Amino acid sequence: MENILIIQDSPSVNAMLKFRLESAGFSVETAETGEEGIEKTKSRQYHLILLDYNLPGMNGSQVCRMLREKEKTKNIPIVFMSAKDEEKLSQLTKEAGANGYIGLPFEGKKFIEKITGFLKTGGS
């Protein structure tokens, strides 16, 4: 079973994404801050990290850069999630070293297909 970490500051969004992904057969953990997410990667191996760009404290770009610097997490696909302007987010994604992004809303089947695609290709 593939492990996914969601780093997103909204408990309701986390709950919805966790439910949707677990229903599709994934193992999911959530964190509400970048710091908490980074801490979780120290004790568990993940196959994919879904990262909110707008986090309190350390933003998504900072979290992504820190994960890219660590041996244990540097090769894990990291995918930004945001309701922001997609063109701007696409640029920020590349600059931060993420593998891609998923824009809101996260619609059922399409969302799972995108997640599966990132897992299969390593995000490329």
PDB file of N, CA and C in Angstrom:
ATOM      1  N   MET A   1       0.838  -1.188   0.000  1.00  0.00           N
ATOM      2  CA  MET A   1       0.000   0.000   0.000  1.00  0.00           C
ATOM      3  C   MET A   1       0.885   1.254   0.000  1.00  0.00           C
ATOM      4  N   GLU A   2       0.511   2.209  -0.810  1.00  0.00           N
ATOM      5  CA  GLU A   2       1.310   3.429  -0.912  1.00  0.00           C
ATOM      6  C   GLU A   2       0.915   4.432   0.157  1.00  0.00           C
ATOM      7  N   ASN A   3       1.935   5.001   0.802  1.00  0.00           N
ATOM      8  CA  ASN A   3       1.733   5.976   1.868  1.00  0.00           C
ATOM      9  C   ASN A   3       1.792   7.387   1.308  1.00  0.00           C
ATOM     10  N   ILE A   4       0.787   8.179   1.654  1.00  0.00           N
ATOM     11  CA  ILE A   4       0.730   9.568   1.210  1.00  0.00           C
ATOM     12  C   ILE A   4       0.669  10.468   2.437  1.00  0.00           C
ATOM     13  N   LEU A   5       1.449  11.545   2.422  1.00  0.00           N
ATOM     14  CA  LEU A   5       1.405  12.543   3.480  1.00  0.00           C
ATOM     15  C   LEU A   5       0.777  13.806   2.903  1.00  0.00           C
ATOM     16  N   ILE A   6      -0.244  14.300   3.593  1.00  0.00           N
ATOM     17  CA  ILE A   6      -0.892  15.558   3.204  1.00  0.00           C
ATOM     18  C   ILE A   6      -0.461  16.622   4.211  1.00  0.00           C
ATOM     19  N   ILE A   7       0.134  17.697   3.721  1.00  0.00           N
ATOM     20  CA  ILE A   7       0.498  18.824   4.589  1.00  0.00           C
ATOM     21  C   ILE A   7      -0.387  19.988   4.166  1.00  0.00           C
ATOM     22  N   GLN A   8      -1.406  20.259   4.978  1.00  0.00           N
ATOM     23  CA  GLN A   8      -2.470  21.205   4.621  1.00  0.00           C
ATOM     24  C   GLN A   8      -3.046  21.748   5.929  1.00  0.00           C
ATOM     25  N   ASP A   9      -3.177  23.057   6.063  1.00  0.00           N
ATOM     26  CA  ASP A   9      -3.570  23.653   7.339  1.00  0.00           C
ATOM     27  C   ASP A   9      -5.057  23.604   7.658  1.00  0.00           C
ATOM     28  N   SER A  10      -5.883  23.137   6.750  1.00  0.00           N
ATOM     29  CA  SER A  10      -7.323  23.071   7.008  1.00  0.00           C
ATOM     30  C   SER A  10      -7.727  21.657   7.434  1.00  0.00           C
ATOM     31  N   PRO A  11      -8.160  21.490   8.695  1.00  0.00           N
ATOM     32  CA  PRO A  11      -8.577  20.155   9.148  1.00  0.00           C
ATOM     33  C   PRO A  11      -9.706  19.565   8.295  1.00  0.00           C
ATOM     34  N   SER A  12     -10.631  20.408   7.820  1.00  0.00           N
ATOM     35  CA  SER A  12     -11.742  19.882   7.022  1.00  0.00           C
ATOM     36  C   SER A  12     -11.264  19.404   5.648  1.00  0.00           C
ATOM     37  N   VAL A  13     -10.346  20.138   5.042  1.00  0.00           N
ATOM     38  CA  VAL A  13      -9.791  19.708   3.747  1.00  0.00           C
ATOM     39  C   VAL A  13      -8.979  18.425   3.955  1.00  0.00           C
ATOM     40  N   ASN A  14      -8.190  18.380   5.021  1.00  0.00           N
ATOM     41  CA  ASN A  14      -7.419  17.161   5.332  1.00  0.00           C
ATOM     42  C   ASN A  14      -8.338  15.959   5.466  1.00  0.00           C
ATOM     43  N   ALA A  15      -9.427  16.126   6.201  1.00  0.00           N
ATOM     44  CA  ALA A  15     -10.359  15.017   6.431  1.00  0.00           C
ATOM     45  C   ALA A  15     -10.979  14.544   5.116  1.00  0.00           C
ATOM     46  N   MET A  16     -11.358  15.489   4.265  1.00  0.00           N
ATOM     47  CA  MET A  16     -11.974  15.137   2.985  1.00  0.00           C
ATOM     48  C   MET A  16     -10.970  14.413   2.082  1.00  0.00           C
ATOM     49  N   LEU A  17      -9.751  14.954   1.988  1.00  0.00           N
ATOM     50  CA  LEU A  17      -8.729  14.332   1.137  1.00  0.00           C
ATOM     51  C   LEU A  17      -8.336  12.955   1.673  1.00  0.00           C
ATOM     52  N   LYS A  18      -8.191  12.849   2.989  1.00  0.00           N
ATOM     53  CA  LYS A  18      -7.835  11.567   3.615  1.00  0.00           C
ATOM     54  C   LYS A  18      -8.896  10.521   3.294  1.00  0.00           C
ATOM     55  N   PHE A  19     -10.166  10.886   3.464  1.00  0.00           N
ATOM     56  CA  PHE A  19     -11.267   9.968   3.180  1.00  0.00           C
ATOM     57  C   PHE A  19     -11.242   9.527   1.711  1.00  0.00           C
ATOM     58  N   ARG A  20     -11.095  10.499   0.818  1.00  0.00           N
ATOM     59  CA  ARG A  20     -11.109  10.198  -0.619  1.00  0.00           C
ATOM     60  C   ARG A  20      -9.958   9.274  -1.003  1.00  0.00           C
ATOM     61  N   LEU A  21      -8.763   9.560  -0.487  1.00  0.00           N
ATOM     62  CA  LEU A  21      -7.585   8.750  -0.821  1.00  0.00           C
ATOM     63  C   LEU A  21      -7.639   7.368  -0.175  1.00  0.00           C
ATOM     64  N   GLU A  22      -8.095   7.304   1.076  1.00  0.00           N
ATOM     65  CA  GLU A  22      -8.201   5.992   1.736  1.00  0.00           C
ATOM     66  C   GLU A  22      -9.259   5.134   1.041  1.00  0.00           C
ATOM     67  N   SER A  23     -10.317   5.758   0.551  1.00  0.00           N
ATOM     68  CA  SER A  23     -11.355   5.019  -0.181  1.00  0.00           C
ATOM     69  C   SER A  23     -10.797   4.423  -1.472  1.00  0.00           C
ATOM     70  N   ALA A  24      -9.747   5.057  -1.999  1.00  0.00           N
ATOM     71  CA  ALA A  24      -9.117   4.568  -3.228  1.00  0.00           C
ATOM     72  C   ALA A  24      -7.978   3.582  -2.929  1.00  0.00           C
ATOM     73  N   GLY A  25      -7.777   3.275  -1.630  1.00  0.00           N
ATOM     74  CA  GLY A  25      -6.801   2.251  -1.277  1.00  0.00           C
ATOM     75  C   GLY A  25      -5.439   2.736  -0.818  1.00  0.00           C
ATOM     76  N   PHE A  26      -5.296   4.032  -0.581  1.00  0.00           N
ATOM     77  CA  PHE A  26      -4.020   4.563  -0.113  1.00  0.00           C
ATOM     78  C   PHE A  26      -3.992   4.655   1.410  1.00  0.00           C
ATOM     79  N   SER A  27      -2.798   4.632   1.966  1.00  0.00           N
ATOM     80  CA  SER A  27      -2.603   4.883   3.390  1.00  0.00           C
ATOM     81  C   SER A  27      -2.254   6.364   3.510  1.00  0.00           C
ATOM     82  N   VAL A  28      -2.957   7.101   4.375  1.00  0.00           N
ATOM     83  CA  VAL A  28      -2.807   8.560   4.415  1.00  0.00           C
ATOM     84  C   VAL A  28      -2.564   9.067   5.824  1.00  0.00           C
ATOM     85  N   GLU A  29      -1.606   9.977   5.949  1.00  0.00           N
ATOM     86  CA  GLU A  29      -1.395  10.707   7.192  1.00  0.00           C
ATOM     87  C   GLU A  29      -1.481  12.187   6.857  1.00  0.00           C
ATOM     88  N   THR A  30      -1.845  12.994   7.860  1.00  0.00           N
ATOM     89  CA  THR A  30      -1.959  14.428   7.623  1.00  0.00           C
ATOM     90  C   THR A  30      -1.134  15.215   8.636  1.00  0.00           C
ATOM     91  N   ALA A  31      -0.769  16.412   8.224  1.00  0.00           N
ATOM     92  CA  ALA A  31      -0.077  17.361   9.100  1.00  0.00           C
ATOM     93  C   ALA A  31      -0.661  18.735   8.784  1.00  0.00           C
ATOM     94  N   GLU A  32      -0.755  19.594   9.800  1.00  0.00           N
ATOM     95  CA  GLU A  32      -1.367  20.904   9.585  1.00  0.00           C
ATOM     96  C   GLU A  32      -0.363  22.045   9.476  1.00  0.00           C
ATOM     97  N   THR A  33       0.920  21.751   9.675  1.00  0.00           N
ATOM     98  CA  THR A  33       1.955  22.776   9.469  1.00  0.00           C
ATOM     99  C   THR A  33       3.125  22.140   8.729  1.00  0.00           C
ATOM    100  N   GLY A  34       3.925  22.981   8.101  1.00  0.00           N
ATOM    101  CA  GLY A  34       5.110  22.483   7.414  1.00  0.00           C
ATOM    102  C   GLY A  34       6.058  21.787   8.369  1.00  0.00           C
ATOM    103  N   GLU A  35       6.221  22.374   9.548  1.00  0.00           N
ATOM    104  CA  GLU A  35       7.123  21.792  10.546  1.00  0.00           C
ATOM    105  C   GLU A  35       6.665  20.390  10.959  1.00  0.00           C
ATOM    106  N   GLU A  36       5.360  20.250  11.182  1.00  0.00           N
ATOM    107  CA  GLU A  36       4.807  18.940  11.565  1.00  0.00           C
ATOM    108  C   GLU A  36       4.999  17.929  10.428  1.00  0.00           C
ATOM    109  N   GLY A  37       4.803  18.377   9.200  1.00  0.00           N
ATOM    110  CA  GLY A  37       4.988  17.497   8.045  1.00  0.00           C
ATOM    111  C   GLY A  37       6.418  17.015   7.918  1.00  0.00           C
ATOM    112  N   ILE A  38       7.368  17.934   8.065  1.00  0.00           N
ATOM    113  CA  ILE A  38       8.786  17.567   7.991  1.00  0.00           C
ATOM    114  C   ILE A  38       9.123  16.572   9.101  1.00  0.00           C
ATOM    115  N   GLU A  39       8.595  16.799  10.284  1.00  0.00           N
ATOM    116  CA  GLU A  39       8.829  15.904  11.423  1.00  0.00           C
ATOM    117  C   GLU A  39       8.325  14.488  11.107  1.00  0.00           C
ATOM    118  N   LYS A  40       7.149  14.386  10.486  1.00  0.00           N
ATOM    119  CA  LYS A  40       6.576  13.068  10.157  1.00  0.00           C
ATOM    120  C   LYS A  40       7.439  12.296   9.165  1.00  0.00           C
ATOM    121  N   THR A  41       8.134  13.003   8.276  1.00  0.00           N
ATOM    122  CA  THR A  41       8.962  12.305   7.287  1.00  0.00           C
ATOM    123  C   THR A  41      10.191  11.666   7.927  1.00  0.00           C
ATOM    124  N   LYS A  42      10.527  12.059   9.127  1.00  0.00           N
ATOM    125  CA  LYS A  42      11.697  11.489   9.810  1.00  0.00           C
ATOM    126  C   LYS A  42      11.429  10.068  10.299  1.00  0.00           C
ATOM    127  N   SER A  43      10.161   9.771  10.606  1.00  0.00           N
ATOM    128  CA  SER A  43       9.847   8.464  11.187  1.00  0.00           C
ATOM    129  C   SER A  43       9.108   7.522  10.238  1.00  0.00           C
ATOM    130  N   ARG A  44       8.701   7.992   9.079  1.00  0.00           N
ATOM    131  CA  ARG A  44       7.942   7.150   8.163  1.00  0.00           C
ATOM    132  C   ARG A  44       8.322   7.448   6.723  1.00  0.00           C
ATOM    133  N   GLN A  45       8.271   6.427   5.893  1.00  0.00           N
ATOM    134  CA  GLN A  45       8.580   6.590   4.471  1.00  0.00           C
ATOM    135  C   GLN A  45       7.278   6.834   3.701  1.00  0.00           C
ATOM    136  N   TYR A  46       7.263   7.845   2.874  1.00  0.00           N
ATOM    137  CA  TYR A  46       6.086   8.166   2.062  1.00  0.00           C
ATOM    138  C   TYR A  46       6.407   7.989   0.585  1.00  0.00           C
ATOM    139  N   HIS A  47       5.361   7.685  -0.190  1.00  0.00           N
ATOM    140  CA  HIS A  47       5.506   7.529  -1.636  1.00  0.00           C
ATOM    141  C   HIS A  47       5.151   8.821  -2.367  1.00  0.00           C
ATOM    142  N   LEU A  48       4.408   9.711  -1.674  1.00  0.00           N
ATOM    143  CA  LEU A  48       3.965  10.969  -2.268  1.00  0.00           C
ATOM    144  C   LEU A  48       3.642  11.942  -1.144  1.00  0.00           C
ATOM    145  N   ILE A  49       3.977  13.212  -1.358  1.00  0.00           N
ATOM    146  CA  ILE A  49       3.622  14.257  -0.399  1.00  0.00           C
ATOM    147  C   ILE A  49       2.768  15.284  -1.125  1.00  0.00           C
ATOM    148  N   LEU A  50       1.555  15.514  -0.613  1.00  0.00           N
ATOM    149  CA  LEU A  50       0.672  16.556  -1.129  1.00  0.00           C
ATOM    150  C   LEU A  50       0.853  17.761  -0.216  1.00  0.00           C
ATOM    151  N   LEU A  51       1.250  18.868  -0.774  1.00  0.00           N
ATOM    152  CA  LEU A  51       1.675  20.019   0.014  1.00  0.00           C
ATOM    153  C   LEU A  51       0.883  21.270  -0.355  1.00  0.00           C
ATOM    154  N   ASP A  52       0.216  21.848   0.634  1.00  0.00           N
ATOM    155  CA  ASP A  52      -0.494  23.105   0.428  1.00  0.00           C
ATOM    156  C   ASP A  52       0.543  24.204   0.263  1.00  0.00           C
ATOM    157  N   TYR A  53       0.329  25.095  -0.693  1.00  0.00           N
ATOM    158  CA  TYR A  53       1.300  26.171  -0.880  1.00  0.00           C
ATOM    159  C   TYR A  53       1.191  27.208   0.239  1.00  0.00           C
ATOM    160  N   ASN A  54      -0.032  27.530   0.633  1.00  0.00           N
ATOM    161  CA  ASN A  54      -0.257  28.567   1.649  1.00  0.00           C
ATOM    162  C   ASN A  54      -0.401  27.954   3.032  1.00  0.00           C
ATOM    163  N   LEU A  55       0.709  27.817   3.716  1.00  0.00           N
ATOM    164  CA  LEU A  55       0.705  27.270   5.072  1.00  0.00           C
ATOM    165  C   LEU A  55       1.054  28.370   6.064  1.00  0.00           C
ATOM    166  N   PRO A  56       0.565  28.260   7.309  1.00  0.00           N
ATOM    167  CA  PRO A  56       0.971  29.237   8.315  1.00  0.00           C
ATOM    168  C   PRO A  56       2.438  29.003   8.681  1.00  0.00           C
ATOM    169  N   GLY A  57       3.159  30.054   8.995  1.00  0.00           N
ATOM    170  CA  GLY A  57       4.571  29.880   9.342  1.00  0.00           C
ATOM    171  C   GLY A  57       5.380  29.633   8.081  1.00  0.00           C
ATOM    172  N   MET A  58       5.962  28.453   8.005  1.00  0.00           N
ATOM    173  CA  MET A  58       6.769  28.057   6.858  1.00  0.00           C
ATOM    174  C   MET A  58       5.848  27.762   5.671  1.00  0.00           C
ATOM    175  N   ASN A  59       6.033  28.456   4.528  1.00  0.00           N
ATOM    176  CA  ASN A  59       5.130  28.205   3.394  1.00  0.00           C
ATOM    177  C   ASN A  59       5.544  26.950   2.617  1.00  0.00           C
ATOM    178  N   GLY A  60       4.709  26.574   1.656  1.00  0.00           N
ATOM    179  CA  GLY A  60       4.947  25.355   0.893  1.00  0.00           C
ATOM    180  C   GLY A  60       6.295  25.307   0.182  1.00  0.00           C
ATOM    181  N   SER A  61       6.736  26.444  -0.368  1.00  0.00           N
ATOM    182  CA  SER A  61       8.038  26.480  -1.047  1.00  0.00           C
ATOM    183  C   SER A  61       9.172  26.158  -0.090  1.00  0.00           C
ATOM    184  N   GLN A  62       9.110  26.744   1.108  1.00  0.00           N
ATOM    185  CA  GLN A  62      10.152  26.501   2.108  1.00  0.00           C
ATOM    186  C   GLN A  62      10.165  25.033   2.529  1.00  0.00           C
ATOM    187  N   VAL A  63       8.984  24.465   2.747  1.00  0.00           N
ATOM    188  CA  VAL A  63       8.875  23.056   3.143  1.00  0.00           C
ATOM    189  C   VAL A  63       9.445  22.171   2.037  1.00  0.00           C
ATOM    190  N   CYS A  64       9.071  22.460   0.792  1.00  0.00           N
ATOM    191  CA  CYS A  64       9.533  21.667  -0.349  1.00  0.00           C
ATOM    192  C   CYS A  64      11.058  21.705  -0.449  1.00  0.00           C
ATOM    193  N   ARG A  65      11.628  22.893  -0.327  1.00  0.00           N
ATOM    194  CA  ARG A  65      13.096  23.018  -0.409  1.00  0.00           C
ATOM    195  C   ARG A  65      13.786  22.223   0.705  1.00  0.00           C
ATOM    196  N   MET A  66      13.229  22.285   1.911  1.00  0.00           N
ATOM    197  CA  MET A  66      13.826  21.541   3.031  1.00  0.00           C
ATOM    198  C   MET A  66      13.760  20.035   2.781  1.00  0.00           C
ATOM    199  N   LEU A  67      12.623  19.559   2.258  1.00  0.00           N
ATOM    200  CA  LEU A  67      12.478  18.127   1.977  1.00  0.00           C
ATOM    201  C   LEU A  67      13.438  17.699   0.864  1.00  0.00           C
ATOM    202  N   ARG A  68      13.680  18.564  -0.109  1.00  0.00           N
ATOM    203  CA  ARG A  68      14.597  18.250  -1.214  1.00  0.00           C
ATOM    204  C   ARG A  68      16.054  18.169  -0.740  1.00  0.00           C
ATOM    205  N   GLU A  69      16.369  18.838   0.368  1.00  0.00           N
ATOM    206  CA  GLU A  69      17.740  18.835   0.880  1.00  0.00           C
ATOM    207  C   GLU A  69      18.062  17.596   1.709  1.00  0.00           C
ATOM    208  N   LYS A  70      17.034  16.877   2.159  1.00  0.00           N
ATOM    209  CA  LYS A  70      17.257  15.722   3.028  1.00  0.00           C
ATOM    210  C   LYS A  70      17.365  14.436   2.209  1.00  0.00           C
ATOM    211  N   GLU A  71      18.333  13.618   2.565  1.00  0.00           N
ATOM    212  CA  GLU A  71      18.576  12.360   1.853  1.00  0.00           C
ATOM    213  C   GLU A  71      17.322  11.488   1.800  1.00  0.00           C
ATOM    214  N   LYS A  72      16.622  11.362   2.928  1.00  0.00           N
ATOM    215  CA  LYS A  72      15.473  10.463   3.022  1.00  0.00           C
ATOM    216  C   LYS A  72      14.279  10.918   2.170  1.00  0.00           C
ATOM    217  N   THR A  73      14.156  12.225   1.947  1.00  0.00           N
ATOM    218  CA  THR A  73      12.967  12.725   1.255  1.00  0.00           C
ATOM    219  C   THR A  73      13.249  13.365  -0.104  1.00  0.00           C
ATOM    220  N   LYS A  74      14.497  13.432  -0.510  1.00  0.00           N
ATOM    221  CA  LYS A  74      14.810  14.188  -1.731  1.00  0.00           C
ATOM    222  C   LYS A  74      14.208  13.597  -3.006  1.00  0.00           C
ATOM    223  N   ASN A  75      13.900  12.293  -3.015  1.00  0.00           N
ATOM    224  CA  ASN A  75      13.349  11.674  -4.225  1.00  0.00           C
ATOM    225  C   ASN A  75      11.852  11.385  -4.166  1.00  0.00           C
ATOM    226  N   ILE A  76      11.202  11.791  -3.073  1.00  0.00           N
ATOM    227  CA  ILE A  76       9.753  11.568  -2.957  1.00  0.00           C
ATOM    228  C   ILE A  76       9.035  12.607  -3.829  1.00  0.00           C
ATOM    229  N   PRO A  77       8.089  12.175  -4.674  1.00  0.00           N
ATOM    230  CA  PRO A  77       7.328  13.168  -5.448  1.00  0.00           C
ATOM    231  C   PRO A  77       6.575  14.099  -4.495  1.00  0.00           C
ATOM    232  N   ILE A  78       6.709  15.400  -4.732  1.00  0.00           N
ATOM    233  CA  ILE A  78       6.002  16.409  -3.952  1.00  0.00           C
ATOM    234  C   ILE A  78       5.096  17.168  -4.912  1.00  0.00           C
ATOM    235  N   VAL A  79       3.812  17.237  -4.565  1.00  0.00           N
ATOM    236  CA  VAL A  79       2.823  17.875  -5.424  1.00  0.00           C
ATOM    237  C   VAL A  79       2.135  18.986  -4.638  1.00  0.00           C
ATOM    238  N   PHE A  80       2.212  20.217  -5.152  1.00  0.00           N
ATOM    239  CA  PHE A  80       1.511  21.328  -4.510  1.00  0.00           C
ATOM    240  C   PHE A  80       0.020  21.239  -4.768  1.00  0.00           C
ATOM    241  N   MET A  81      -0.758  21.693  -3.789  1.00  0.00           N
ATOM    242  CA  MET A  81      -2.207  21.802  -3.935  1.00  0.00           C
ATOM    243  C   MET A  81      -2.556  23.254  -3.645  1.00  0.00           C
ATOM    244  N   SER A  82      -3.410  23.839  -4.489  1.00  0.00           N
ATOM    245  CA  SER A  82      -3.789  25.218  -4.233  1.00  0.00           C
ATOM    246  C   SER A  82      -4.968  25.633  -5.084  1.00  0.00           C
ATOM    247  N   ALA A  83      -5.676  26.641  -4.590  1.00  0.00           N
ATOM    248  CA  ALA A  83      -6.766  27.238  -5.361  1.00  0.00           C
ATOM    249  C   ALA A  83      -6.252  28.483  -6.087  1.00  0.00           C
ATOM    250  N   LYS A  84      -4.962  28.717  -5.983  1.00  0.00           N
ATOM    251  CA  LYS A  84      -4.339  29.913  -6.580  1.00  0.00           C
ATOM    252  C   LYS A  84      -4.292  29.845  -8.107  1.00  0.00           C
ATOM    253  N   ASP A  85      -3.906  30.953  -8.690  1.00  0.00           N
ATOM    254  CA  ASP A  85      -3.693  31.087 -10.117  1.00  0.00           C
ATOM    255  C   ASP A  85      -2.723  30.001 -10.595  1.00  0.00           C
ATOM    256  N   GLU A  86      -3.179  29.158 -11.501  1.00  0.00           N
ATOM    257  CA  GLU A  86      -2.388  28.003 -11.919  1.00  0.00           C
ATOM    258  C   GLU A  86      -1.073  28.370 -12.605  1.00  0.00           C
ATOM    259  N   GLU A  87      -1.059  29.429 -13.387  1.00  0.00           N
ATOM    260  CA  GLU A  87       0.172  29.803 -14.080  1.00  0.00           C
ATOM    261  C   GLU A  87       1.255  30.200 -13.072  1.00  0.00           C
ATOM    262  N   LYS A  88       0.865  31.006 -12.095  1.00  0.00           N
ATOM    263  CA  LYS A  88       1.803  31.442 -11.063  1.00  0.00           C
ATOM    264  C   LYS A  88       2.262  30.228 -10.247  1.00  0.00           C
ATOM    265  N   LEU A  89       1.324  29.356  -9.918  1.00  0.00           N
ATOM    266  CA  LEU A  89       1.649  28.178  -9.119  1.00  0.00           C
ATOM    267  C   LEU A  89       2.588  27.246  -9.881  1.00  0.00           C
ATOM    268  N   SER A  90       2.393  27.130 -11.181  1.00  0.00           N
ATOM    269  CA  SER A  90       3.261  26.293 -12.000  1.00  0.00           C
ATOM    270  C   SER A  90       4.711  26.775 -11.907  1.00  0.00           C
ATOM    271  N   GLN A  91       4.899  28.090 -11.959  1.00  0.00           N
ATOM    272  CA  GLN A  91       6.238  28.683 -11.854  1.00  0.00           C
ATOM    273  C   GLN A  91       6.821  28.432 -10.461  1.00  0.00           C
ATOM    274  N   LEU A  92       6.024  28.668  -9.418  1.00  0.00           N
ATOM    275  CA  LEU A  92       6.488  28.466  -8.045  1.00  0.00           C
ATOM    276  C   LEU A  92       6.840  27.003  -7.796  1.00  0.00           C
ATOM    277  N   THR A  93       6.058  26.106  -8.379  1.00  0.00           N
ATOM    278  CA  THR A  93       6.289  24.676  -8.244  1.00  0.00           C
ATOM    279  C   THR A  93       7.676  24.318  -8.757  1.00  0.00           C
ATOM    280  N   LYS A  94       8.004  24.796  -9.949  1.00  0.00           N
ATOM    281  CA  LYS A  94       9.313  24.512 -10.546  1.00  0.00           C
ATOM    282  C   LYS A  94      10.438  25.107  -9.703  1.00  0.00           C
ATOM    283  N   GLU A  95      10.266  26.357  -9.276  1.00  0.00           N
ATOM    284  CA  GLU A  95      11.306  27.027  -8.490  1.00  0.00           C
ATOM    285  C   GLU A  95      11.582  26.312  -7.173  1.00  0.00           C
ATOM    286  N   ALA A  96      10.537  25.772  -6.560  1.00  0.00           N
ATOM    287  CA  ALA A  96      10.692  25.113  -5.253  1.00  0.00           C
ATOM    288  C   ALA A  96      11.213  23.687  -5.383  1.00  0.00           C
ATOM    289  N   GLY A  97      11.158  23.120  -6.594  1.00  0.00           N
ATOM    290  CA  GLY A  97      11.627  21.751  -6.788  1.00  0.00           C
ATOM    291  C   GLY A  97      10.539  20.698  -6.632  1.00  0.00           C
ATOM    292  N   ALA A  98       9.273  21.119  -6.707  1.00  0.00           N
ATOM    293  CA  ALA A  98       8.172  20.153  -6.618  1.00  0.00           C
ATOM    294  C   ALA A  98       7.975  19.479  -7.973  1.00  0.00           C
ATOM    295  N   ASN A  99       7.244  18.370  -7.956  1.00  0.00           N
ATOM    296  CA  ASN A  99       7.035  17.602  -9.181  1.00  0.00           C
ATOM    297  C   ASN A  99       5.826  18.060  -9.986  1.00  0.00           C
ATOM    298  N   GLY A 100       4.947  18.856  -9.371  1.00  0.00           N
ATOM    299  CA  GLY A 100       3.756  19.304 -10.070  1.00  0.00           C
ATOM    300  C   GLY A 100       2.786  19.925  -9.092  1.00  0.00           C
ATOM    301  N   TYR A 101       1.570  20.155  -9.573  1.00  0.00           N
ATOM    302  CA  TYR A 101       0.559  20.725  -8.694  1.00  0.00           C
ATOM    303  C   TYR A 101      -0.820  20.234  -9.111  1.00  0.00           C
ATOM    304  N   ILE A 102      -1.725  20.297  -8.167  1.00  0.00           N
ATOM    305  CA  ILE A 102      -3.125  19.981  -8.412  1.00  0.00           C
ATOM    306  C   ILE A 102      -3.918  21.184  -7.949  1.00  0.00           C
ATOM    307  N   GLY A 103      -4.717  21.754  -8.845  1.00  0.00           N
ATOM    308  CA  GLY A 103      -5.542  22.906  -8.480  1.00  0.00           C
ATOM    309  C   GLY A 103      -6.876  22.472  -7.894  1.00  0.00           C
ATOM    310  N   LEU A 104      -7.453  23.315  -7.079  1.00  0.00           N
ATOM    311  CA  LEU A 104      -8.785  23.062  -6.531  1.00  0.00           C
ATOM    312  C   LEU A 104      -9.807  23.293  -7.632  1.00  0.00           C
ATOM    313  N   PRO A 105     -10.993  22.713  -7.564  1.00  0.00           N
ATOM    314  CA  PRO A 105     -11.427  21.749  -6.543  1.00  0.00           C
ATOM    315  C   PRO A 105     -10.880  20.358  -6.840  1.00  0.00           C
ATOM    316  N   PHE A 106     -10.788  19.540  -5.814  1.00  0.00           N
ATOM    317  CA  PHE A 106     -10.290  18.176  -5.975  1.00  0.00           C
ATOM    318  C   PHE A 106     -11.480  17.268  -6.227  1.00  0.00           C
ATOM    319  N   GLU A 107     -11.805  17.076  -7.504  1.00  0.00           N
ATOM    320  CA  GLU A 107     -12.984  16.287  -7.834  1.00  0.00           C
ATOM    321  C   GLU A 107     -12.657  14.805  -7.888  1.00  0.00           C
ATOM    322  N   GLY A 108     -13.497  14.024  -7.233  1.00  0.00           N
ATOM    323  CA  GLY A 108     -13.394  12.585  -7.097  1.00  0.00           C
ATOM    324  C   GLY A 108     -12.437  11.819  -7.981  1.00  0.00           C
ATOM    325  N   LYS A 109     -12.971  11.261  -9.059  1.00  0.00           N
ATOM    326  CA  LYS A 109     -12.222  10.345  -9.906  1.00  0.00           C
ATOM    327  C   LYS A 109     -11.006  11.017 -10.556  1.00  0.00           C
ATOM    328  N   LYS A 110     -11.183  12.235 -11.008  1.00  0.00           N
ATOM    329  CA  LYS A 110     -10.106  12.975 -11.656  1.00  0.00           C
ATOM    330  C   LYS A 110      -8.935  13.176 -10.688  1.00  0.00           C
ATOM    331  N   PHE A 111      -9.256  13.503  -9.445  1.00  0.00           N
ATOM    332  CA  PHE A 111      -8.245  13.715  -8.405  1.00  0.00           C
ATOM    333  C   PHE A 111      -7.441  12.435  -8.178  1.00  0.00           C
ATOM    334  N   ILE A 112      -8.135  11.301  -8.039  1.00  0.00           N
ATOM    335  CA  ILE A 112      -7.457  10.016  -7.810  1.00  0.00           C
ATOM    336  C   ILE A 112      -6.598   9.652  -9.019  1.00  0.00           C
ATOM    337  N   GLU A 113      -7.089   9.931 -10.222  1.00  0.00           N
ATOM    338  CA  GLU A 113      -6.296   9.657 -11.434  1.00  0.00           C
ATOM    339  C   GLU A 113      -5.009  10.477 -11.433  1.00  0.00           C
ATOM    340  N   LYS A 114      -5.098  11.751 -11.020  1.00  0.00           N
ATOM    341  CA  LYS A 114      -3.898  12.596 -10.966  1.00  0.00           C
ATOM    342  C   LYS A 114      -2.914  12.053  -9.931  1.00  0.00           C
ATOM    343  N   ILE A 115      -3.424  11.665  -8.772  1.00  0.00           N
ATOM    344  CA  ILE A 115      -2.563  11.122  -7.702  1.00  0.00           C
ATOM    345  C   ILE A 115      -1.855   9.868  -8.207  1.00  0.00           C
ATOM    346  N   THR A 116      -2.609   8.969  -8.816  1.00  0.00           N
ATOM    347  CA  THR A 116      -2.053   7.732  -9.353  1.00  0.00           C
ATOM    348  C   THR A 116      -0.989   8.037 -10.403  1.00  0.00           C
ATOM    349  N   GLY A 117      -1.233   9.040 -11.232  1.00  0.00           N
ATOM    350  CA  GLY A 117      -0.264   9.442 -12.253  1.00  0.00           C
ATOM    351  C   GLY A 117       1.040   9.914 -11.628  1.00  0.00           C
ATOM    352  N   PHE A 118       0.950  10.729 -10.583  1.00  0.00           N
ATOM    353  CA  PHE A 118       2.156  11.216  -9.924  1.00  0.00           C
ATOM    354  C   PHE A 118       2.918  10.058  -9.275  1.00  0.00           C
ATOM    355  N   LEU A 119       2.210   9.111  -8.705  1.00  0.00           N
ATOM    356  CA  LEU A 119       2.864   7.955  -8.075  1.00  0.00           C
ATOM    357  C   LEU A 119       3.577   7.098  -9.114  1.00  0.00           C
ATOM    358  N   LYS A 120       2.958   6.880 -10.258  1.00  0.00           N
ATOM    359  CA  LYS A 120       3.534   6.030 -11.309  1.00  0.00           C
ATOM    360  C   LYS A 120       4.757   6.649 -11.957  1.00  0.00           C
ATOM    361  N   THR A 121       4.694   7.957 -12.170  1.00  0.00           N
ATOM    362  CA  THR A 121       5.768   8.612 -12.918  1.00  0.00           C
ATOM    363  C   THR A 121       6.809   9.263 -12.020  1.00  0.00           C
ATOM    364  N   GLY A 122       6.591   9.202 -10.709  1.00  0.00           N
ATOM    365  CA  GLY A 122       7.493   9.916  -9.817  1.00  0.00           C
ATOM    366  C   GLY A 122       7.272  11.401  -9.945  1.00  0.00           C
ATOM    367  N   GLY A 123       6.105  11.769 -10.465  1.00  0.00           N
ATOM    368  CA  GLY A 123       5.733  13.171 -10.534  1.00  0.00           C
ATOM    369  C   GLY A 123       6.084  13.869 -11.820  1.00  0.00           C
ATOM    370  N   SER A 124       6.813  13.212 -12.713  1.00  0.00           N
ATOM    371  CA  SER A 124       7.217  13.933 -13.925  1.00  0.00           C
ATOM    372  C   SER A 124       6.136  13.928 -14.976  1.00  0.00           C
TER     373      SER A 124
END
